[in-house]
Amino acid sequence: MNAPVTIAICAITAVVTQIAFSRPEILQRLLFKPREILVDGQWDRILASALIHADWMHAGFNLFAFYSFGSAIEILYGWKTLVAVYLFSVMGGSLLSLFLHRHHQYAALGASGGVSGIIFSTIFLVPGTGVSLLFIPIAIPGNAFALIYLLGSFWGLRKKVGNIGHDAHFGGAIVGLVFAFAIQPSFCLADPFYFWGSVCVSLACLAILFLDPTNSSGKLFPSPKSRN
């Protein structure tokens, strides 16, 4: 077993997700909810919300992506790097969500903020990484996917597309990008156009979100957003 910690994280997430399906009180306690975090001090929700999912399709997609990319990080850079990138990416996605939705009734769940960070780290830490999407028979070059993903997440966030936590995706991806540069800057700079392009897009989008947060979070969402 070449990536035991990657598998362990998948297994723990699957078990907690299944428990939450049958125990609504546990689901409610682990959901990402700004009011409970900021007013009641339940800061554990920032990380715990990554352990639960809306359904098995949501969970399966996230866990498959996490294993596919996370195993490469663990094998090449070690389990401590994998855990650090994942946890800080979950945290980064949740903190961006917390800022954007701090005045709103909002709930979210899912691991894809962390998964986004793992994918972005792998793209820049493992040269030649491609990303395959459903219904597309060929892999998209990872560096090009990074730019497309950032722009797509930002657009989805601003336009409120679907019942999806685009803010967590965006925040997690940025953390993954930062970790990649901190761990292996030479690999990142080997493709300067896409790396610095991703950095510039991230900074520009963050500036817009922080200068005008109400436009991206001014709607009340009665049901949990799926981070998938």
Protein backbone atom coordinates (compact mmCIF):
# COMPACT_ATOMS: atom_id res chain seq x y z
CA MET A 1 0.00 0.00 0.00
CA ASN A 2 1.91 3.04 -1.30
CA ALA A 3 -0.34 5.78 0.07
CA PRO A 4 -1.76 4.58 3.42
CA VAL A 5 -2.50 8.05 4.82
CA THR A 6 -4.40 9.05 1.66
CA ILE A 7 -6.48 5.89 1.99
CA ALA A 8 -6.98 6.49 5.73
CA ILE A 9 -8.30 10.04 5.12
CA CYS A 10 -10.70 8.67 2.50
CA ALA A 11 -11.88 5.94 4.88
CA ILE A 12 -12.41 8.31 7.82
CA THR A 13 -14.33 10.74 5.62
CA ALA A 14 -16.50 7.93 4.24
CA VAL A 15 -17.29 6.59 7.73
CA VAL A 16 -18.21 10.01 9.17
CA THR A 17 -20.28 10.79 6.05
CA GLN A 18 -22.24 7.54 6.50
CA ILE A 19 -22.79 8.23 10.20
CA ALA A 20 -24.06 11.73 9.40
CA PHE A 21 -26.54 10.29 6.89
CA SER A 22 -28.24 8.32 9.67
CA ARG A 23 -27.71 10.82 12.49
CA PRO A 24 -29.16 14.24 11.55
CA GLU A 25 -27.93 15.78 14.80
CA ILE A 26 -24.35 14.93 13.87
CA LEU A 27 -24.83 16.34 10.37
CA GLN A 28 -26.15 19.58 11.84
CA ARG A 29 -23.28 19.79 14.33
CA LEU A 30 -20.60 19.38 11.64
CA LEU A 31 -22.09 21.65 8.95
CA PHE A 32 -20.18 24.80 8.07
CA LYS A 33 -22.35 27.61 9.49
CA PRO A 34 -20.96 31.14 9.90
CA ARG A 35 -23.27 32.10 12.76
CA GLU A 36 -22.38 29.08 14.86
CA ILE A 37 -18.68 29.66 14.19
CA LEU A 38 -18.58 33.40 14.84
CA VAL A 39 -21.24 33.74 17.54
CA ASP A 40 -21.09 30.38 19.34
CA GLY A 41 -17.36 29.84 18.87
CA GLN A 42 -17.71 26.45 17.17
CA TRP A 43 -14.50 26.85 15.18
CA ASP A 44 -14.13 23.11 14.68
CA ARG A 45 -16.78 23.38 11.94
CA ILE A 46 -14.12 24.97 9.69
CA LEU A 47 -12.42 21.59 9.37
CA ALA A 48 -15.18 19.19 10.45
CA SER A 49 -17.48 20.18 7.59
CA ALA A 50 -15.04 18.44 5.22
CA LEU A 51 -15.95 15.10 6.80
CA ILE A 52 -19.59 15.15 5.66
CA HIS A 53 -21.27 15.20 2.25
CA ALA A 54 -24.69 15.73 0.74
CA ASP A 55 -24.92 12.20 -0.76
CA TRP A 56 -22.70 9.37 -1.93
CA MET A 57 -22.26 10.83 -5.40
CA HIS A 58 -20.92 14.01 -3.81
CA ALA A 59 -18.67 12.01 -1.47
CA GLY A 60 -17.52 9.59 -4.17
CA PHE A 61 -16.45 12.35 -6.53
CA ASN A 62 -14.46 14.12 -3.83
CA LEU A 63 -12.83 10.98 -2.46
CA PHE A 64 -11.91 9.67 -5.90
CA ALA A 65 -10.27 13.00 -6.80
CA PHE A 66 -8.52 13.17 -3.43
CA TYR A 67 -7.09 9.66 -3.82
CA SER A 68 -6.08 10.20 -7.45
CA PHE A 69 -4.04 13.32 -6.70
CA GLY A 70 -3.29 12.92 -2.99
CA SER A 71 -1.59 9.56 -3.43
CA ALA A 72 0.97 11.19 -5.75
CA ILE A 73 1.72 13.86 -3.15
CA GLU A 74 2.10 11.27 -0.39
CA ILE A 75 4.35 8.98 -2.45
CA LEU A 76 6.62 11.74 -3.73
CA TYR A 77 6.64 14.23 -0.84
CA GLY A 78 5.52 12.25 2.21
CA TRP A 79 2.39 11.96 4.31
CA LYS A 80 3.13 15.06 6.39
CA THR A 81 3.08 17.19 3.23
CA LEU A 82 -0.18 15.57 2.15
CA VAL A 83 -1.86 16.24 5.50
CA ALA A 84 -0.57 19.82 5.69
CA VAL A 85 -1.74 20.73 2.19
CA TYR A 86 -5.12 19.10 2.73
CA LEU A 87 -5.91 20.60 6.14
CA PHE A 88 -4.73 24.10 5.26
CA SER A 89 -6.66 23.96 1.98
CA VAL A 90 -9.84 22.97 3.82
CA MET A 91 -9.16 25.83 6.23
CA GLY A 92 -8.44 28.30 3.43
CA GLY A 93 -11.67 27.47 1.64
CA SER A 94 -13.68 27.68 4.84
CA LEU A 95 -12.15 31.00 5.91
CA LEU A 96 -12.93 32.58 2.54
CA SER A 97 -16.51 31.29 2.87
CA LEU A 98 -16.66 32.63 6.40
CA PHE A 99 -15.66 36.10 5.26
CA LEU A 100 -18.03 36.19 2.31
CA HIS A 101 -21.01 34.81 4.24
CA ARG A 102 -20.35 36.26 7.69
CA HIS A 103 -23.63 38.23 7.66
CA HIS A 104 -25.80 35.57 6.03
CA GLN A 105 -27.74 32.47 6.83
CA TYR A 106 -25.52 29.93 5.14
CA ALA A 107 -24.59 26.27 5.39
CA ALA A 108 -22.10 24.17 3.46
CA LEU A 109 -20.52 20.74 3.58
CA GLY A 110 -17.96 18.67 1.71
CA ALA A 111 -14.23 18.16 1.30
CA SER A 112 -13.65 19.82 -2.03
CA GLY A 113 -11.91 22.91 -0.65
CA GLY A 114 -9.21 20.53 0.54
CA VAL A 115 -9.43 18.47 -2.64
CA SER A 116 -8.95 21.62 -4.73
CA GLY A 117 -5.79 22.40 -2.78
CA ILE A 118 -4.47 18.87 -3.32
CA ILE A 119 -5.19 19.05 -7.06
CA PHE A 120 -3.44 22.41 -7.41
CA SER A 121 -0.42 21.25 -5.44
CA THR A 122 -0.14 18.12 -7.57
CA ILE A 123 -0.41 20.10 -10.81
CA PHE A 124 2.66 22.16 -9.95
CA LEU A 125 4.59 19.63 -7.85
CA VAL A 126 4.29 16.68 -10.24
CA PRO A 127 5.37 17.77 -13.74
CA GLY A 128 3.19 16.44 -16.52
CA THR A 129 0.07 16.06 -14.41
CA GLY A 130 -3.11 16.11 -16.46
CA VAL A 131 -6.70 16.43 -15.30
CA SER A 132 -9.45 14.27 -16.79
CA LEU A 133 -13.05 15.45 -16.62
CA LEU A 134 -16.27 13.55 -17.16
CA PHE A 135 -17.36 13.28 -20.81
CA ILE A 136 -13.96 14.60 -22.02
CA PRO A 137 -11.92 11.69 -23.45
CA ILE A 138 -8.51 13.37 -23.13
CA ALA A 139 -6.72 14.84 -20.13
CA ILE A 140 -6.41 18.61 -19.90
CA PRO A 141 -2.82 19.77 -19.21
CA GLY A 142 -2.67 20.58 -15.51
CA ASN A 143 -1.23 24.07 -15.92
CA ALA A 144 -4.01 25.10 -18.29
CA PHE A 145 -6.62 23.49 -16.02
CA ALA A 146 -5.36 25.61 -13.11
CA LEU A 147 -6.19 28.86 -14.89
CA ILE A 148 -9.53 27.57 -16.19
CA TYR A 149 -10.48 26.29 -12.72
CA LEU A 150 -9.66 29.57 -10.95
CA LEU A 151 -11.58 31.65 -13.47
CA GLY A 152 -14.49 29.20 -13.50
CA SER A 153 -14.73 29.10 -9.72
CA PHE A 154 -14.64 32.88 -9.49
CA TRP A 155 -17.30 33.23 -12.18
CA GLY A 156 -19.49 30.62 -10.48
CA LEU A 157 -19.08 32.40 -7.15
CA ARG A 158 -20.03 35.80 -8.50
CA LYS A 159 -22.94 34.48 -10.55
CA LYS A 160 -24.11 32.08 -7.80
CA VAL A 161 -24.15 29.16 -10.23
CA GLY A 162 -25.72 26.01 -8.82
CA ASN A 163 -25.88 24.79 -5.26
CA ILE A 164 -22.08 24.64 -5.12
CA GLY A 165 -19.60 26.21 -2.70
CA HIS A 166 -17.42 27.89 -5.30
CA ASP A 167 -15.83 30.05 -2.60
CA ALA A 168 -14.38 26.98 -0.85
CA HIS A 169 -13.06 25.67 -4.17
CA PHE A 170 -11.39 28.98 -4.90
CA GLY A 171 -9.89 29.41 -1.43
CA GLY A 172 -8.61 25.84 -1.31
CA ALA A 173 -7.02 26.09 -4.75
CA ILE A 174 -5.11 29.23 -3.75
CA VAL A 175 -3.73 27.51 -0.66
CA GLY A 176 -2.60 24.58 -2.82
CA LEU A 177 -0.86 27.01 -5.15
CA VAL A 178 0.98 28.64 -2.23
CA PHE A 179 2.09 25.27 -0.86
CA ALA A 180 3.39 24.16 -4.25
CA PHE A 181 5.60 27.23 -4.50
CA ALA A 182 6.80 26.85 -0.91
CA ILE A 183 7.69 23.18 -1.41
CA GLN A 184 9.19 23.20 -4.91
CA PRO A 185 9.54 26.71 -6.40
CA SER A 186 11.74 25.49 -9.25
CA PHE A 187 8.94 23.24 -10.54
CA CYS A 188 6.46 26.11 -10.41
CA LEU A 189 8.79 28.53 -12.19
CA ALA A 190 9.57 25.96 -14.89
CA ASP A 191 6.23 27.00 -16.42
CA PRO A 192 6.17 30.72 -15.54
CA PHE A 193 3.29 31.73 -17.82
CA TYR A 194 0.73 29.44 -16.18
CA PHE A 195 2.11 29.72 -12.65
CA TRP A 196 2.31 33.52 -12.56
CA GLY A 197 -0.91 33.67 -14.54
CA SER A 198 -2.59 31.63 -11.79
CA VAL A 199 -1.06 33.87 -9.13
CA CYS A 200 -2.22 37.07 -10.86
CA VAL A 201 -5.73 35.70 -11.42
CA SER A 202 -5.92 34.64 -7.76
CA LEU A 203 -4.79 38.03 -6.46
CA ALA A 204 -7.10 39.95 -8.80
CA CYS A 205 -10.12 37.82 -7.90
CA LEU A 206 -9.37 38.03 -4.18
CA ALA A 207 -9.09 41.81 -4.43
CA ILE A 208 -12.52 41.98 -6.06
CA LEU A 209 -14.03 39.70 -3.42
CA PHE A 210 -12.59 41.65 -0.52
CA LEU A 211 -13.48 45.04 -1.98
CA ASP A 212 -17.01 44.00 -2.92
CA PRO A 213 -17.96 40.94 -0.83
CA THR A 214 -21.69 41.69 -0.78
CA ASN A 215 -22.04 41.04 -4.50
CA SER A 216 -20.77 37.49 -4.06
CA SER A 217 -22.67 36.58 -0.92
CA GLY A 218 -25.81 38.68 -0.84
CA LYS A 219 -28.27 35.83 -1.20
CA LEU A 220 -29.67 33.66 1.57
CA PHE A 221 -29.22 29.94 0.94
CA PRO A 222 -31.77 27.82 2.83
CA SER A 223 -30.05 24.48 2.09
CA PRO A 224 -26.41 23.41 2.52
CA LYS A 225 -24.11 24.18 -0.39
CA SER A 226 -22.31 21.14 -1.74
CA ARG A 227 -18.58 21.60 -2.05
CA ASN A 228 -18.09 19.35 -5.05
